Amino acid sequence: QVQLVESGGGLAQPGGSLTLSCAVSGSTFKIKSMAWYRQAPGKRREVVATITPTDITTYPGSLQGRFTVSRDNAKNTMYLRINNLKPEDTAIYYCNTLPTAIVAGHDYWGQGTQVTVSS
């Protein structure tokens, strides 16, 4: 079964950058489309980036240009680079397969990584 481990979050200043990592267990990573999501306090989880096995990426229009998703199939790892951080980027960031992973009949999510943007 899949396991997802997000890392790389932390406290950053507005205008700064962070790179988040998503380590994925299992041998099927390289054939999976993947996505990054975020959930801010009091808000619903939203998709911020997707990437196919052939590195085709998509972003919501409002995030285009600041968010960059990439993957290293040899390391079973996906990355999210966020540039020009804004306070509204503060959220817990999660990664998942597309569609989302199912374990024991339920959507499976990792623990996420907290990103806090503040001066």
C-alpha atoms as a PDB file:
ATOM      1  CA  GLN A   1       0.000   0.000   0.000  1.00  0.00           C
ATOM      2  CA  VAL A   2       1.100   3.549  -0.633  1.00  0.00           C
ATOM      3  CA  GLN A   3       2.698   5.766   1.983  1.00  0.00           C
ATOM      4  CA  LEU A   4       3.103   9.501   1.551  1.00  0.00           C
ATOM      5  CA  VAL A   5       5.572  11.564   3.578  1.00  0.00           C
ATOM      6  CA  GLU A   6       5.663  15.324   3.109  1.00  0.00           C
ATOM      7  CA  SER A   7       8.515  17.470   4.367  1.00  0.00           C
ATOM      8  CA  GLY A   8      10.238  20.789   3.859  1.00  0.00           C
ATOM      9  CA  GLY A   9       7.725  23.152   5.374  1.00  0.00           C
ATOM     10  CA  GLY A  10       8.485  25.749   7.998  1.00  0.00           C
ATOM     11  CA  LEU A  11       8.378  29.425   8.795  1.00  0.00           C
ATOM     12  CA  ALA A  12       9.302  31.710   5.925  1.00  0.00           C
ATOM     13  CA  GLN A  13       9.182  35.434   5.291  1.00  0.00           C
ATOM     14  CA  PRO A  14       7.018  37.020   2.623  1.00  0.00           C
ATOM     15  CA  GLY A  15       8.918  37.077  -0.641  1.00  0.00           C
ATOM     16  CA  GLY A  16      10.984  34.059   0.296  1.00  0.00           C
ATOM     17  CA  SER A  17      10.979  30.554  -1.177  1.00  0.00           C
ATOM     18  CA  LEU A  18      10.478  27.015   0.023  1.00  0.00           C
ATOM     19  CA  THR A  19      10.821  23.617  -1.576  1.00  0.00           C
ATOM     20  CA  LEU A  20       8.557  20.889  -0.284  1.00  0.00           C
ATOM     21  CA  SER A  21       9.207  17.188  -0.807  1.00  0.00           C
ATOM     22  CA  CYS A  22       6.872  14.233  -1.040  1.00  0.00           C
ATOM     23  CA  ALA A  23       8.368  10.773  -0.619  1.00  0.00           C
ATOM     24  CA  VAL A  24       6.160   8.015  -1.973  1.00  0.00           C
ATOM     25  CA  SER A  25       6.538   4.344  -1.168  1.00  0.00           C
ATOM     26  CA  GLY A  26       5.850   1.595  -3.679  1.00  0.00           C
ATOM     27  CA  SER A  27       7.000   0.722  -7.161  1.00  0.00           C
ATOM     28  CA  THR A  28       4.166   2.393  -9.057  1.00  0.00           C
ATOM     29  CA  PHE A  29       5.193   6.008  -8.430  1.00  0.00           C
ATOM     30  CA  LYS A  30       6.643   6.475 -11.894  1.00  0.00           C
ATOM     31  CA  ILE A  31       3.335   5.601 -13.572  1.00  0.00           C
ATOM     32  CA  LYS A  32       1.167   7.721 -11.271  1.00  0.00           C
ATOM     33  CA  SER A  33      -0.077  11.221 -11.788  1.00  0.00           C
ATOM     34  CA  MET A  34       0.485  13.179  -8.592  1.00  0.00           C
ATOM     35  CA  ALA A  35      -0.809  16.340  -6.984  1.00  0.00           C
ATOM     36  CA  TRP A  36      -0.003  18.832  -4.275  1.00  0.00           C
ATOM     37  CA  TYR A  37      -2.840  20.176  -2.156  1.00  0.00           C
ATOM     38  CA  ARG A  38      -3.060  22.675   0.645  1.00  0.00           C
ATOM     39  CA  GLN A  39      -5.518  23.392   3.397  1.00  0.00           C
ATOM     40  CA  ALA A  40      -5.546  26.714   5.153  1.00  0.00           C
ATOM     41  CA  PRO A  41      -7.222  27.155   8.537  1.00  0.00           C
ATOM     42  CA  GLY A  42     -10.974  27.183   8.134  1.00  0.00           C
ATOM     43  CA  LYS A  43     -10.820  26.433   4.418  1.00  0.00           C
ATOM     44  CA  ARG A  44     -11.296  23.387   2.244  1.00  0.00           C
ATOM     45  CA  ARG A  45      -8.350  21.470   0.854  1.00  0.00           C
ATOM     46  CA  GLU A  46      -7.467  22.696  -2.623  1.00  0.00           C
ATOM     47  CA  VAL A  47      -5.241  21.484  -5.426  1.00  0.00           C
ATOM     48  CA  VAL A  48      -2.202  23.677  -6.049  1.00  0.00           C
ATOM     49  CA  ALA A  49      -0.311  21.617  -8.640  1.00  0.00           C
ATOM     50  CA  THR A  50      -0.507  18.387 -10.599  1.00  0.00           C
ATOM     51  CA  ILE A  51       2.074  16.435 -12.564  1.00  0.00           C
ATOM     52  CA  THR A  52       1.687  13.467 -14.877  1.00  0.00           C
ATOM     53  CA  PRO A  53       4.172  10.600 -15.328  1.00  0.00           C
ATOM     54  CA  THR A  54       5.475  12.467 -18.393  1.00  0.00           C
ATOM     55  CA  ASP A  55       5.971  15.719 -16.457  1.00  0.00           C
ATOM     56  CA  ILE A  56       2.970  17.585 -17.787  1.00  0.00           C
ATOM     57  CA  THR A  57       2.068  20.068 -15.063  1.00  0.00           C
ATOM     58  CA  THR A  58      -0.986  22.136 -14.241  1.00  0.00           C
ATOM     59  CA  TYR A  59      -1.638  24.911 -11.742  1.00  0.00           C
ATOM     60  CA  PRO A  60      -4.608  27.037 -10.749  1.00  0.00           C
ATOM     61  CA  GLY A  61      -4.414  30.315 -12.591  1.00  0.00           C
ATOM     62  CA  SER A  62      -3.896  32.307  -9.414  1.00  0.00           C
ATOM     63  CA  LEU A  63      -0.759  30.326  -8.551  1.00  0.00           C
ATOM     64  CA  GLN A  64       0.766  30.065 -12.010  1.00  0.00           C
ATOM     65  CA  GLY A  65       4.272  31.437 -12.048  1.00  0.00           C
ATOM     66  CA  ARG A  66       4.991  31.093  -8.342  1.00  0.00           C
ATOM     67  CA  PHE A  67       4.475  27.346  -7.889  1.00  0.00           C
ATOM     68  CA  THR A  68       6.578  24.730  -9.671  1.00  0.00           C
ATOM     69  CA  VAL A  69       5.989  21.008  -9.310  1.00  0.00           C
ATOM     70  CA  SER A  70       8.562  18.421 -10.350  1.00  0.00           C
ATOM     71  CA  ARG A  71       9.311  14.773  -9.768  1.00  0.00           C
ATOM     72  CA  ASP A  72      12.266  12.415  -9.585  1.00  0.00           C
ATOM     73  CA  ASN A  73      11.038   8.949 -10.475  1.00  0.00           C
ATOM     74  CA  ALA A  74      14.363   7.378  -9.500  1.00  0.00           C
ATOM     75  CA  LYS A  75      13.849   8.659  -5.954  1.00  0.00           C
ATOM     76  CA  ASN A  76      10.079   8.154  -5.796  1.00  0.00           C
ATOM     77  CA  THR A  77       9.861  11.811  -4.808  1.00  0.00           C
ATOM     78  CA  MET A  78       7.826  14.802  -5.909  1.00  0.00           C
ATOM     79  CA  TYR A  79       8.715  18.402  -5.156  1.00  0.00           C
ATOM     80  CA  LEU A  80       6.928  21.728  -4.930  1.00  0.00           C
ATOM     81  CA  ARG A  81       8.884  24.935  -5.205  1.00  0.00           C
ATOM     82  CA  ILE A  82       7.049  28.016  -3.991  1.00  0.00           C
ATOM     83  CA  ASN A  83       8.574  31.378  -4.842  1.00  0.00           C
ATOM     84  CA  ASN A  84       7.595  34.860  -3.704  1.00  0.00           C
ATOM     85  CA  LEU A  85       5.787  33.437  -0.681  1.00  0.00           C
ATOM     86  CA  LYS A  86       2.727  35.326   0.503  1.00  0.00           C
ATOM     87  CA  PRO A  87       0.933  35.195   3.851  1.00  0.00           C
ATOM     88  CA  GLU A  88      -2.025  33.588   2.088  1.00  0.00           C
ATOM     89  CA  ASP A  89       0.212  30.617   1.240  1.00  0.00           C
ATOM     90  CA  THR A  90       0.099  29.684   4.916  1.00  0.00           C
ATOM     91  CA  ALA A  91      -1.435  26.214   5.051  1.00  0.00           C
ATOM     92  CA  ILE A  92      -0.719  22.546   5.562  1.00  0.00           C
ATOM     93  CA  TYR A  93       0.552  21.125   2.291  1.00  0.00           C
ATOM     94  CA  TYR A  94      -0.246  17.557   1.302  1.00  0.00           C
ATOM     95  CA  CYS A  95       0.671  15.364  -1.613  1.00  0.00           C
ATOM     96  CA  ASN A  96      -1.288  12.494  -3.074  1.00  0.00           C
ATOM     97  CA  THR A  97      -1.718  10.359  -6.128  1.00  0.00           C
ATOM     98  CA  LEU A  98      -4.336  11.186  -8.737  1.00  0.00           C
ATOM     99  CA  PRO A  99      -6.895   9.926  -8.043  1.00  0.00           C
ATOM    100  CA  THR A 100      -6.250  10.013  -4.307  1.00  0.00           C
ATOM    101  CA  ALA A 101      -4.900   6.882  -2.685  1.00  0.00           C
ATOM    102  CA  ILE A 102      -7.344   4.504  -1.042  1.00  0.00           C
ATOM    103  CA  VAL A 103      -6.359   2.447   1.981  1.00  0.00           C
ATOM    104  CA  ALA A 104      -8.827   0.148   3.703  1.00  0.00           C
ATOM    105  CA  GLY A 105     -11.633   1.731   1.738  1.00  0.00           C
ATOM    106  CA  HIS A 106     -10.851   5.290   2.760  1.00  0.00           C
ATOM    107  CA  ASP A 107      -9.000   8.197   1.198  1.00  0.00           C
ATOM    108  CA  TYR A 108      -5.454   8.096   2.489  1.00  0.00           C
ATOM    109  CA  TRP A 109      -3.492  11.244   3.309  1.00  0.00           C
ATOM    110  CA  GLY A 110      -0.088  11.744   4.833  1.00  0.00           C
ATOM    111  CA  GLN A 111       0.542  14.042   7.762  1.00  0.00           C
ATOM    112  CA  GLY A 112       1.273  17.036   5.547  1.00  0.00           C
ATOM    113  CA  THR A 113       3.867  19.721   6.101  1.00  0.00           C
ATOM    114  CA  GLN A 114       3.059  23.096   7.631  1.00  0.00           C
ATOM    115  CA  VAL A 115       4.031  26.234   5.745  1.00  0.00           C
ATOM    116  CA  THR A 116       3.750  29.502   7.642  1.00  0.00           C
ATOM    117  CA  VAL A 117       4.501  32.763   5.891  1.00  0.00           C
ATOM    118  CA  SER A 118       4.958  35.657   8.248  1.00  0.00           C
ATOM    119  CA  SER A 119       7.309  38.526   8.902  1.00  0.00           C
END
